[in-house]
N, C-alpha and C. Protein backbone atom coordinates (compact mmCIF):
# COMPACT_ATOMS: atom_id res chain seq x y z
N MET A 1 109.89 7.14 -234.17
CA MET A 1 109.33 7.89 -233.07
C MET A 1 108.01 8.52 -233.47
N LYS A 2 107.86 9.16 -234.53
CA LYS A 2 106.61 9.85 -234.98
C LYS A 2 105.51 8.67 -235.02
N ARG A 3 105.87 7.50 -235.64
CA ARG A 3 104.82 6.54 -235.65
C ARG A 3 104.34 6.03 -234.51
N LYS A 4 105.17 5.97 -233.48
CA LYS A 4 104.74 5.45 -232.12
C LYS A 4 103.75 6.47 -231.34
N LEU A 5 104.11 7.74 -231.52
CA LEU A 5 103.26 8.69 -231.18
C LEU A 5 101.93 8.69 -231.78
N GLN A 6 101.86 8.62 -233.21
CA GLN A 6 100.70 8.45 -233.80
C GLN A 6 99.89 7.31 -233.48
N PHE A 7 100.56 6.12 -233.25
CA PHE A 7 99.80 4.85 -232.72
C PHE A 7 99.10 5.10 -231.31
N ILE A 8 99.95 5.65 -230.38
CA ILE A 8 99.47 6.01 -229.08
C ILE A 8 98.28 6.91 -228.99
N ILE A 9 98.32 7.86 -229.88
CA ILE A 9 97.17 8.96 -229.98
C ILE A 9 95.94 8.21 -230.52
N CYS A 10 96.05 7.56 -231.68
CA CYS A 10 95.02 6.79 -232.33
C CYS A 10 94.36 5.76 -231.22
N THR A 11 95.17 5.13 -230.70
CA THR A 11 94.77 3.92 -229.59
C THR A 11 93.95 4.67 -228.53
N CYS A 12 94.41 5.76 -228.06
CA CYS A 12 93.70 6.42 -226.91
C CYS A 12 92.30 6.98 -227.42
N LEU A 13 92.38 7.67 -228.66
CA LEU A 13 91.14 8.16 -229.25
C LEU A 13 90.04 6.95 -229.43
N ILE A 14 90.57 5.89 -229.95
CA ILE A 14 89.72 4.60 -230.21
C ILE A 14 89.06 4.35 -228.76
N PHE A 15 90.00 4.12 -227.86
CA PHE A 15 89.54 3.76 -226.61
C PHE A 15 88.55 4.57 -225.97
N PHE A 16 88.87 5.89 -225.98
CA PHE A 16 88.02 6.94 -225.32
C PHE A 16 86.62 6.84 -226.11
N PHE A 17 86.53 6.89 -227.31
CA PHE A 17 85.21 7.17 -228.05
C PHE A 17 84.49 5.74 -227.98
N THR A 18 85.16 4.65 -228.19
CA THR A 18 84.51 3.36 -228.04
C THR A 18 83.79 3.17 -226.71
N ASN A 19 84.67 3.47 -225.64
CA ASN A 19 84.06 3.44 -224.31
C ASN A 19 82.86 4.24 -224.21
N SER A 20 82.95 5.50 -224.66
CA SER A 20 81.84 6.46 -224.59
C SER A 20 80.53 6.02 -225.37
N LEU A 21 80.88 5.46 -226.57
CA LEU A 21 79.62 4.95 -227.24
C LEU A 21 79.05 3.69 -226.67
N ILE A 22 79.85 2.81 -226.09
CA ILE A 22 79.33 1.62 -225.41
C ILE A 22 78.42 2.10 -224.15
N ALA A 23 78.95 2.89 -223.46
CA ALA A 23 78.39 3.42 -222.24
C ALA A 23 77.25 4.33 -222.40
N GLN A 24 77.14 4.97 -223.58
CA GLN A 24 76.06 5.96 -223.84
C GLN A 24 74.74 5.35 -223.60
N GLY A 25 73.90 6.02 -222.86
CA GLY A 25 72.40 5.56 -222.55
C GLY A 25 72.48 4.51 -221.46
N SER A 26 73.58 3.93 -220.98
CA SER A 26 73.37 2.98 -219.88
C SER A 26 74.08 3.58 -218.59
N TYR A 27 74.63 4.74 -218.66
CA TYR A 27 75.22 5.39 -217.43
C TYR A 27 75.01 6.77 -217.39
N ASN A 28 74.59 7.26 -216.26
CA ASN A 28 74.31 8.68 -215.94
C ASN A 28 75.14 9.08 -214.73
N VAL A 29 75.55 10.42 -214.70
CA VAL A 29 76.48 10.75 -213.70
C VAL A 29 75.81 10.48 -212.43
N VAL A 30 74.40 10.95 -212.40
CA VAL A 30 73.55 10.75 -211.25
C VAL A 30 72.43 9.71 -211.61
N SER A 31 72.52 8.65 -211.02
CA SER A 31 71.73 7.64 -211.40
C SER A 31 70.09 7.89 -211.11
N LYS A 32 69.15 7.25 -211.74
CA LYS A 32 67.88 7.59 -211.64
C LYS A 32 67.39 7.28 -210.26
N GLU A 33 67.86 6.24 -209.70
CA GLU A 33 67.58 5.93 -208.30
C GLU A 33 67.89 7.05 -207.35
N ASN A 34 69.07 7.64 -207.57
CA ASN A 34 69.51 8.71 -206.73
C ASN A 34 69.11 10.12 -207.19
N ASN A 35 68.07 10.24 -208.08
CA ASN A 35 67.70 11.35 -208.65
C ASN A 35 66.60 12.17 -207.71
N SER A 36 66.75 12.04 -206.45
CA SER A 36 65.92 12.73 -205.60
C SER A 36 66.36 14.12 -205.33
N ASN A 37 65.80 14.81 -204.51
CA ASN A 37 66.13 16.27 -204.32
C ASN A 37 67.23 16.24 -203.09
N ASP A 38 67.93 15.11 -202.76
CA ASP A 38 68.77 15.06 -201.82
C ASP A 38 70.05 15.79 -202.18
N PHE A 39 70.26 16.91 -201.52
CA PHE A 39 71.39 17.88 -201.93
C PHE A 39 72.61 17.14 -201.76
N TRP A 40 72.99 16.46 -200.78
CA TRP A 40 74.32 15.90 -200.58
C TRP A 40 74.60 14.80 -201.52
N ARG A 41 73.63 14.15 -202.13
CA ARG A 41 74.06 13.04 -203.10
C ARG A 41 74.56 13.62 -204.38
N LYS A 42 74.40 14.99 -204.48
CA LYS A 42 74.78 15.71 -205.76
C LYS A 42 76.18 16.48 -205.62
N VAL A 43 76.58 16.52 -204.36
CA VAL A 43 77.79 17.24 -203.85
C VAL A 43 79.09 16.28 -204.13
N PHE A 44 80.20 16.79 -204.47
CA PHE A 44 81.31 15.91 -204.70
C PHE A 44 82.48 16.99 -204.31
N VAL A 45 83.53 16.27 -203.75
CA VAL A 45 84.86 16.87 -203.41
C VAL A 45 85.91 16.26 -204.28
N GLY A 46 87.05 16.84 -204.34
CA GLY A 46 88.23 16.21 -205.10
C GLY A 46 89.31 17.19 -205.24
N GLY A 47 89.92 17.13 -206.32
CA GLY A 47 91.03 17.90 -206.65
C GLY A 47 92.24 17.29 -207.12
N GLY A 48 93.37 17.71 -207.04
CA GLY A 48 94.70 17.01 -207.45
C GLY A 48 95.75 17.52 -206.52
N ILE A 49 96.87 16.79 -207.05
CA ILE A 49 98.16 17.15 -206.32
C ILE A 49 99.25 16.93 -207.45
N GLY A 50 100.39 17.58 -207.10
CA GLY A 50 101.43 17.44 -208.09
C GLY A 50 102.81 17.87 -207.36
N ALA A 51 103.70 17.28 -208.12
CA ALA A 51 105.17 17.54 -207.56
C ALA A 51 106.27 17.39 -208.74
N GLN A 52 107.28 18.16 -208.56
CA GLN A 52 108.26 18.14 -209.49
C GLN A 52 109.54 18.40 -208.61
N PHE A 53 110.79 17.81 -208.87
CA PHE A 53 111.77 17.92 -208.06
C PHE A 53 113.04 18.06 -209.04
N GLY A 54 114.15 18.79 -208.47
CA GLY A 54 115.32 18.99 -209.36
C GLY A 54 115.64 20.53 -209.19
N ASP A 55 116.26 21.08 -210.07
CA ASP A 55 116.61 22.54 -210.23
C ASP A 55 115.47 23.37 -209.90
N ILE A 56 114.25 22.92 -210.40
CA ILE A 56 112.96 23.67 -210.16
C ILE A 56 112.23 22.72 -209.50
N THR A 57 111.80 23.12 -208.20
CA THR A 57 110.84 22.23 -207.37
C THR A 57 109.55 22.89 -207.34
N LEU A 58 108.49 22.00 -207.47
CA LEU A 58 107.13 22.63 -207.50
C LEU A 58 106.30 21.49 -206.70
N LEU A 59 105.64 21.82 -205.77
CA LEU A 59 104.59 21.15 -204.89
C LEU A 59 103.27 21.72 -204.95
N GLU A 60 102.29 21.02 -205.28
CA GLU A 60 100.84 21.72 -205.53
C GLU A 60 99.85 20.78 -204.94
N ILE A 61 98.88 21.44 -204.43
CA ILE A 61 97.69 20.91 -204.00
C ILE A 61 96.48 21.81 -204.45
N SER A 62 95.30 21.11 -205.00
CA SER A 62 94.26 21.94 -205.47
C SER A 62 92.98 21.20 -205.08
N PRO A 63 92.41 21.54 -203.98
CA PRO A 63 91.15 20.99 -203.55
C PRO A 63 90.01 21.63 -204.42
N LYS A 64 88.91 20.88 -204.55
CA LYS A 64 87.77 21.34 -205.23
C LYS A 64 86.44 20.78 -204.60
N VAL A 65 85.40 21.54 -204.69
CA VAL A 65 84.02 21.07 -204.23
C VAL A 65 83.03 21.44 -205.29
N GLY A 66 82.09 20.65 -205.58
CA GLY A 66 81.39 20.95 -206.60
C GLY A 66 79.91 20.35 -206.59
N TYR A 67 79.03 20.66 -207.40
CA TYR A 67 77.61 20.18 -207.34
C TYR A 67 77.20 19.71 -208.65
N ARG A 68 76.40 18.59 -208.87
CA ARG A 68 75.95 18.02 -209.99
C ARG A 68 74.44 18.69 -210.16
N ILE A 69 74.42 19.50 -211.07
CA ILE A 69 73.38 20.31 -211.40
C ILE A 69 72.31 19.56 -212.13
N THR A 70 72.83 18.81 -213.23
CA THR A 70 72.00 17.85 -213.78
C THR A 70 72.77 16.56 -214.03
N ASP A 71 72.24 15.64 -214.76
CA ASP A 71 73.00 14.48 -215.06
C ASP A 71 74.23 14.74 -215.76
N ARG A 72 74.32 15.89 -216.64
CA ARG A 72 75.38 16.07 -217.49
C ARG A 72 76.28 17.37 -217.25
N TRP A 73 75.73 18.19 -216.28
CA TRP A 73 76.20 19.45 -216.02
C TRP A 73 76.70 19.46 -214.41
N LEU A 74 77.83 19.92 -214.09
CA LEU A 74 78.34 20.18 -212.98
C LEU A 74 79.14 21.55 -212.82
N ALA A 75 79.20 21.97 -211.60
CA ALA A 75 79.88 23.33 -211.39
C ALA A 75 80.48 23.30 -210.03
N GLY A 76 81.36 24.06 -209.82
CA GLY A 76 82.12 24.11 -208.48
C GLY A 76 83.15 25.21 -208.28
N LEU A 77 83.76 25.15 -207.16
CA LEU A 77 84.69 26.11 -206.74
C LEU A 77 86.06 25.23 -206.40
N GLY A 78 87.11 25.89 -206.65
CA GLY A 78 88.37 25.31 -206.42
C GLY A 78 89.47 26.37 -205.79
N LEU A 79 90.32 25.77 -205.03
CA LEU A 79 91.48 26.60 -204.47
C LEU A 79 92.73 25.80 -204.90
N SER A 80 93.77 26.60 -204.86
CA SER A 80 95.13 25.99 -205.26
C SER A 80 96.17 26.72 -204.43
N TYR A 81 97.30 25.92 -204.15
CA TYR A 81 98.39 26.42 -203.49
C TYR A 81 99.58 25.55 -204.10
N SER A 82 100.71 26.36 -204.39
CA SER A 82 101.76 25.80 -204.96
C SER A 82 102.96 26.46 -204.24
N TYR A 83 103.90 25.70 -203.94
CA TYR A 83 105.31 26.07 -203.51
C TYR A 83 106.33 25.94 -204.76
N TYR A 84 106.95 26.95 -205.20
CA TYR A 84 107.98 27.07 -206.27
C TYR A 84 109.12 27.36 -205.80
N LYS A 85 110.32 26.72 -206.14
CA LYS A 85 111.59 26.97 -205.88
C LYS A 85 112.61 26.75 -207.22
N ASN A 86 113.32 27.84 -207.59
CA ASN A 86 114.15 27.76 -208.82
C ASN A 86 115.60 28.07 -208.35
N THR A 87 116.41 27.14 -208.54
CA THR A 87 117.76 27.29 -207.96
C THR A 87 118.67 27.88 -209.07
N PHE A 88 118.16 28.30 -210.28
CA PHE A 88 118.91 28.93 -211.30
C PHE A 88 119.27 30.36 -210.87
N TYR A 89 118.38 30.95 -210.16
CA TYR A 89 118.56 32.38 -209.69
C TYR A 89 119.47 32.33 -208.43
N LYS A 90 120.33 33.40 -208.38
CA LYS A 90 121.27 33.48 -207.21
C LYS A 90 121.00 34.79 -206.72
N PRO A 91 120.23 34.95 -205.53
CA PRO A 91 120.00 34.04 -204.60
C PRO A 91 118.78 33.17 -205.07
N VAL A 92 118.47 32.05 -204.55
CA VAL A 92 117.45 30.98 -204.93
C VAL A 92 116.24 31.82 -204.89
N TYR A 93 115.36 31.58 -205.96
CA TYR A 93 113.94 32.17 -206.00
C TYR A 93 112.95 31.32 -205.52
N GLU A 94 112.18 31.61 -204.46
CA GLU A 94 111.14 30.95 -204.02
C GLU A 94 109.84 31.74 -203.94
N THR A 95 108.61 31.10 -204.26
CA THR A 95 107.48 31.77 -204.07
C THR A 95 106.42 30.68 -203.57
N HIS A 96 105.27 31.32 -203.25
CA HIS A 96 104.08 30.55 -202.77
C HIS A 96 102.92 31.14 -203.85
N LEU A 97 102.35 30.20 -204.71
CA LEU A 97 101.29 30.70 -205.51
C LEU A 97 99.93 30.24 -204.81
N PHE A 98 98.87 31.29 -204.83
CA PHE A 98 97.69 31.08 -204.22
C PHE A 98 96.66 31.35 -205.32
N GLY A 99 95.70 30.48 -205.39
CA GLY A 99 94.68 30.76 -206.42
C GLY A 99 93.18 30.22 -206.03
N ALA A 100 92.20 30.91 -206.73
CA ALA A 100 90.81 30.41 -206.60
C ALA A 100 90.28 30.40 -207.83
N SER A 101 89.31 29.53 -208.10
CA SER A 101 88.57 29.51 -209.38
C SER A 101 87.08 29.07 -209.10
N ILE A 102 86.32 29.29 -210.19
CA ILE A 102 84.94 28.82 -210.25
C ILE A 102 84.87 28.09 -211.58
N PHE A 103 84.46 26.76 -211.81
CA PHE A 103 84.43 26.04 -212.97
C PHE A 103 83.10 25.31 -213.33
N SER A 104 82.94 24.91 -214.49
CA SER A 104 81.84 24.24 -215.00
C SER A 104 82.25 23.30 -216.01
N GLN A 105 81.69 22.08 -215.82
CA GLN A 105 81.97 20.91 -216.83
C GLN A 105 80.59 20.39 -217.41
N TYR A 106 80.45 20.07 -218.77
CA TYR A 106 79.40 19.60 -219.29
C TYR A 106 79.62 18.34 -220.04
N LEU A 107 79.03 17.22 -219.78
CA LEU A 107 79.46 16.07 -220.43
C LEU A 107 78.79 15.95 -221.79
N ILE A 108 79.63 16.03 -222.80
CA ILE A 108 79.23 15.93 -224.15
C ILE A 108 78.71 14.57 -224.64
N PHE A 109 79.67 13.54 -224.14
CA PHE A 109 79.29 12.21 -224.33
C PHE A 109 79.36 11.56 -222.86
N THR A 110 79.33 10.41 -222.58
CA THR A 110 79.28 9.82 -221.39
C THR A 110 80.62 10.06 -220.65
N ASN A 111 81.75 10.01 -221.23
CA ASN A 111 82.95 10.21 -220.55
C ASN A 111 83.72 11.53 -221.16
N ILE A 112 83.24 12.23 -222.00
CA ILE A 112 83.88 13.37 -222.67
C ILE A 112 83.19 14.62 -222.24
N PHE A 113 84.03 15.50 -221.67
CA PHE A 113 83.37 16.79 -221.21
C PHE A 113 84.18 18.04 -221.72
N ALA A 114 83.16 19.08 -221.76
CA ALA A 114 83.85 20.44 -222.10
C ALA A 114 83.94 21.25 -220.74
N GLN A 115 84.90 21.99 -220.75
CA GLN A 115 85.11 22.69 -219.47
C GLN A 115 85.40 24.21 -219.59
N VAL A 116 84.80 25.07 -218.67
CA VAL A 116 85.29 26.40 -218.67
C VAL A 116 85.66 26.69 -217.26
N GLU A 117 86.57 27.70 -217.02
CA GLU A 117 87.05 27.88 -215.63
C GLU A 117 87.63 29.29 -215.54
N TYR A 118 87.00 30.18 -214.58
CA TYR A 118 87.81 31.48 -214.33
C TYR A 118 88.31 31.36 -213.02
N GLY A 119 89.65 31.97 -213.04
CA GLY A 119 90.29 32.10 -211.73
C GLY A 119 91.32 33.11 -211.63
N GLN A 120 91.86 33.35 -210.38
CA GLN A 120 92.94 34.29 -210.06
C GLN A 120 94.04 33.46 -209.54
N ILE A 121 95.22 33.92 -209.99
CA ILE A 121 96.40 33.33 -209.34
C ILE A 121 97.27 34.50 -208.78
N SER A 122 97.82 34.40 -207.59
CA SER A 122 98.75 35.42 -206.91
C SER A 122 100.03 34.79 -206.61
N TYR A 123 101.07 35.43 -207.09
CA TYR A 123 102.50 34.91 -206.84
C TYR A 123 103.39 36.05 -206.79
N GLU A 124 104.57 35.79 -206.41
CA GLU A 124 105.72 36.79 -206.29
C GLU A 124 106.47 36.75 -207.75
N GLN A 125 106.42 37.70 -208.51
CA GLN A 125 106.86 37.73 -209.86
C GLN A 125 108.19 38.39 -209.74
N VAL A 126 109.27 37.83 -210.35
CA VAL A 126 110.59 38.34 -210.47
C VAL A 126 110.64 39.64 -211.36
N TYR A 127 111.03 40.84 -210.99
CA TYR A 127 110.92 41.97 -211.89
C TYR A 127 112.34 42.45 -212.00
N ASN A 128 113.28 41.99 -211.17
CA ASN A 128 114.67 42.57 -211.30
C ASN A 128 115.54 41.32 -210.97
N ILE A 129 116.35 41.01 -211.90
CA ILE A 129 117.18 39.67 -211.48
C ILE A 129 118.42 40.04 -210.76
N TYR A 130 119.00 41.07 -210.91
CA TYR A 130 120.32 41.42 -210.25
C TYR A 130 120.21 42.86 -209.65
N PRO A 131 120.07 43.03 -208.37
CA PRO A 131 119.63 41.97 -207.34
C PRO A 131 118.32 41.27 -207.56
N LEU A 132 118.10 40.21 -207.01
CA LEU A 132 116.82 39.60 -207.17
C LEU A 132 115.75 40.32 -206.30
N GLU A 133 114.74 40.85 -207.08
CA GLU A 133 113.71 41.60 -206.53
C GLU A 133 112.28 41.02 -207.01
N THR A 134 111.34 40.92 -206.22
CA THR A 134 110.03 40.35 -206.65
C THR A 134 109.01 41.27 -206.05
N ARG A 135 107.80 41.05 -206.66
CA ARG A 135 106.60 41.83 -206.17
C ARG A 135 105.30 40.79 -206.34
N ARG A 136 104.62 40.76 -205.42
CA ARG A 136 103.23 39.91 -205.53
C ARG A 136 102.29 40.65 -206.49
N ILE A 137 101.93 39.64 -207.35
CA ILE A 137 100.92 40.24 -208.38
C ILE A 137 99.72 39.12 -208.54
N SER A 138 98.61 39.53 -209.00
CA SER A 138 97.35 38.71 -209.17
C SER A 138 97.13 38.54 -210.79
N VAL A 139 96.98 37.38 -211.27
CA VAL A 139 96.81 37.26 -212.73
C VAL A 139 95.50 36.51 -212.91
N PRO A 140 94.61 37.09 -213.89
CA PRO A 140 93.40 36.35 -214.05
C PRO A 140 93.69 35.33 -215.28
N GLN A 141 92.76 34.34 -215.03
CA GLN A 141 92.78 33.20 -216.20
C GLN A 141 91.37 32.88 -216.40
N PHE A 142 91.13 32.66 -217.70
CA PHE A 142 89.90 32.07 -218.32
C PHE A 142 90.30 30.90 -219.04
N LEU A 143 89.99 29.70 -218.47
CA LEU A 143 90.48 28.59 -219.19
C LEU A 143 89.19 27.75 -219.87
N VAL A 144 89.53 27.38 -221.13
CA VAL A 144 88.47 26.73 -222.08
C VAL A 144 89.11 25.35 -222.46
N GLY A 145 88.43 24.33 -222.33
CA GLY A 145 88.98 23.10 -223.02
C GLY A 145 87.92 21.89 -222.74
N GLY A 146 88.58 20.85 -222.59
CA GLY A 146 87.71 19.63 -222.42
C GLY A 146 88.67 18.61 -221.82
N GLY A 147 87.89 17.37 -221.61
CA GLY A 147 88.64 16.25 -221.14
C GLY A 147 88.05 15.02 -220.99
N TYR A 148 88.59 13.89 -220.50
CA TYR A 148 88.13 12.64 -220.35
C TYR A 148 87.86 12.32 -218.78
N ARG A 149 86.81 11.71 -218.57
CA ARG A 149 86.47 11.33 -217.20
C ARG A 149 86.13 9.99 -217.23
N GLN A 150 86.66 9.14 -216.11
CA GLN A 150 86.30 7.77 -215.97
C GLN A 150 85.71 7.58 -214.77
N PRO A 151 84.39 7.21 -214.77
CA PRO A 151 83.64 6.98 -213.49
C PRO A 151 84.22 5.86 -212.72
N LEU A 152 84.19 5.90 -211.39
CA LEU A 152 84.75 4.76 -210.57
C LEU A 152 83.47 4.24 -209.74
N GLY A 153 82.34 4.76 -209.77
CA GLY A 153 81.25 4.18 -208.98
C GLY A 153 80.85 5.20 -207.82
N GLY A 154 79.77 5.21 -207.49
CA GLY A 154 79.36 5.88 -206.31
C GLY A 154 79.47 7.35 -206.32
N GLY A 155 79.50 7.91 -207.60
CA GLY A 155 79.61 9.37 -207.86
C GLY A 155 81.06 9.87 -207.95
N SER A 156 81.97 8.92 -207.89
CA SER A 156 83.41 9.12 -207.93
C SER A 156 83.91 9.03 -209.29
N ALA A 157 85.03 9.66 -209.55
CA ALA A 157 85.68 9.56 -211.00
C ALA A 157 87.14 10.09 -210.91
N ILE A 158 87.81 9.72 -211.90
CA ILE A 158 89.10 10.38 -212.20
C ILE A 158 89.03 11.18 -213.44
N TYR A 159 89.79 12.04 -213.75
CA TYR A 159 89.69 12.97 -214.94
C TYR A 159 91.07 13.46 -215.28
N ILE A 160 91.15 13.72 -216.60
CA ILE A 160 92.25 14.47 -217.19
C ILE A 160 91.62 15.49 -218.28
N SER A 161 92.25 16.77 -218.14
CA SER A 161 91.64 17.70 -219.02
C SER A 161 92.78 18.49 -219.72
N LEU A 162 92.45 19.12 -220.81
CA LEU A 162 93.40 19.82 -221.49
C LEU A 162 92.71 21.16 -221.78
N LEU A 163 93.43 22.33 -221.04
CA LEU A 163 92.76 23.54 -220.87
C LEU A 163 93.64 24.72 -221.59
N PHE A 164 93.11 25.69 -222.17
CA PHE A 164 93.75 26.78 -222.65
C PHE A 164 93.30 28.05 -222.17
N ASP A 165 94.26 29.01 -221.74
CA ASP A 165 93.87 30.28 -221.29
C ASP A 165 93.60 31.20 -222.27
N VAL A 166 92.38 31.63 -222.38
CA VAL A 166 92.02 32.54 -223.57
C VAL A 166 92.40 34.02 -223.22
N ILE A 167 92.70 34.26 -221.92
CA ILE A 167 93.03 35.72 -221.68
C ILE A 167 94.61 35.86 -221.98
N GLY A 168 95.31 34.83 -221.87
CA GLY A 168 96.74 34.87 -222.02
C GLY A 168 97.49 36.03 -221.60
N ASP A 169 97.30 36.19 -220.24
CA ASP A 169 97.99 37.42 -219.56
C ASP A 169 99.64 37.04 -219.60
N LYS A 170 100.28 38.07 -219.94
CA LYS A 170 101.75 37.90 -220.15
C LYS A 170 102.47 37.55 -218.79
N ASN A 171 101.89 37.98 -217.74
CA ASN A 171 102.32 37.59 -216.26
C ASN A 171 101.99 36.14 -215.71
N SER A 172 101.05 35.35 -216.49
CA SER A 172 100.66 34.12 -216.04
C SER A 172 101.83 33.31 -215.85
N PRO A 173 101.82 32.50 -214.73
CA PRO A 173 103.06 31.53 -214.44
C PRO A 173 102.91 30.33 -215.18
N TYR A 174 101.71 30.18 -215.88
CA TYR A 174 101.50 28.86 -216.70
C TYR A 174 101.57 29.09 -218.28
N THR A 175 101.91 28.15 -219.07
CA THR A 175 101.78 28.16 -220.45
C THR A 175 100.84 27.23 -220.99
N ASP A 176 100.22 27.62 -222.15
CA ASP A 176 99.25 26.61 -222.82
C ASP A 176 100.00 25.46 -223.57
N PRO A 177 99.32 24.39 -223.54
CA PRO A 177 98.07 23.95 -222.84
C PRO A 177 98.39 23.61 -221.29
N ILE A 178 97.47 23.78 -220.50
CA ILE A 178 97.47 23.25 -219.07
C ILE A 178 96.61 21.92 -218.99
N ILE A 179 97.52 20.93 -218.61
CA ILE A 179 96.93 19.58 -218.36
C ILE A 179 96.56 19.49 -216.94
N ASP A 180 95.38 19.15 -216.72
CA ASP A 180 94.89 18.79 -215.30
C ASP A 180 94.46 17.46 -215.05
N PHE A 181 94.81 16.79 -214.15
CA PHE A 181 94.61 15.46 -213.66
C PHE A 181 94.08 15.45 -212.18
N GLY A 182 93.19 14.82 -212.07
CA GLY A 182 92.52 14.78 -210.64
C GLY A 182 91.54 13.93 -210.36
N PHE A 183 90.70 14.05 -209.21
CA PHE A 183 89.82 13.08 -208.84
C PHE A 183 88.52 13.73 -208.27
N GLN A 184 87.45 12.94 -208.30
CA GLN A 184 86.14 13.51 -207.60
C GLN A 184 85.57 12.29 -206.81
N ILE A 185 85.08 12.69 -205.65
CA ILE A 185 84.56 11.76 -204.78
C ILE A 185 83.13 12.22 -204.45
N GLY A 186 82.11 11.35 -204.67
CA GLY A 186 80.73 11.65 -204.35
C GLY A 186 80.50 11.44 -202.86
N LEU A 187 79.76 12.28 -202.23
CA LEU A 187 79.47 12.31 -200.89
C LEU A 187 78.12 11.39 -200.62
């Protein structure tokens, strides 16, 4: 099992870095033909969705809008909504998580990026189990990490990132690392 995991990790790293090195110099996030001052050519929308079903149910949607500041640097705003239900609690615990964030990504190589993101998450925290009592709290997050981005053409891409919360608030509903998978569509 350990050898299989090592093989998969090595194969992925070789693929990612080889793809980055081959494409280096031949691909820019914003092509030179489109490098005008046209605001809308640099705007993108995207985000992600997620779902988990079972004793713990989680449904998530997280739209984002951003702007390509340069060929390698982009920044934007994100919103998130999650429905969470846990049937281990009696009565059943349900909450709605709401969040907002501001993020920035910088392409280190053609497909490899560094990312920082600051956000706030609001949710109903359980503070008494018997009887079940909750209170709405807001939790700050400062995420730092990086990821891989695969261009699809026309300013669009899919991405996966691995992020760590450097604040590490004890009330955060998430644990490190946070894996984010999503898409971007150029306008």
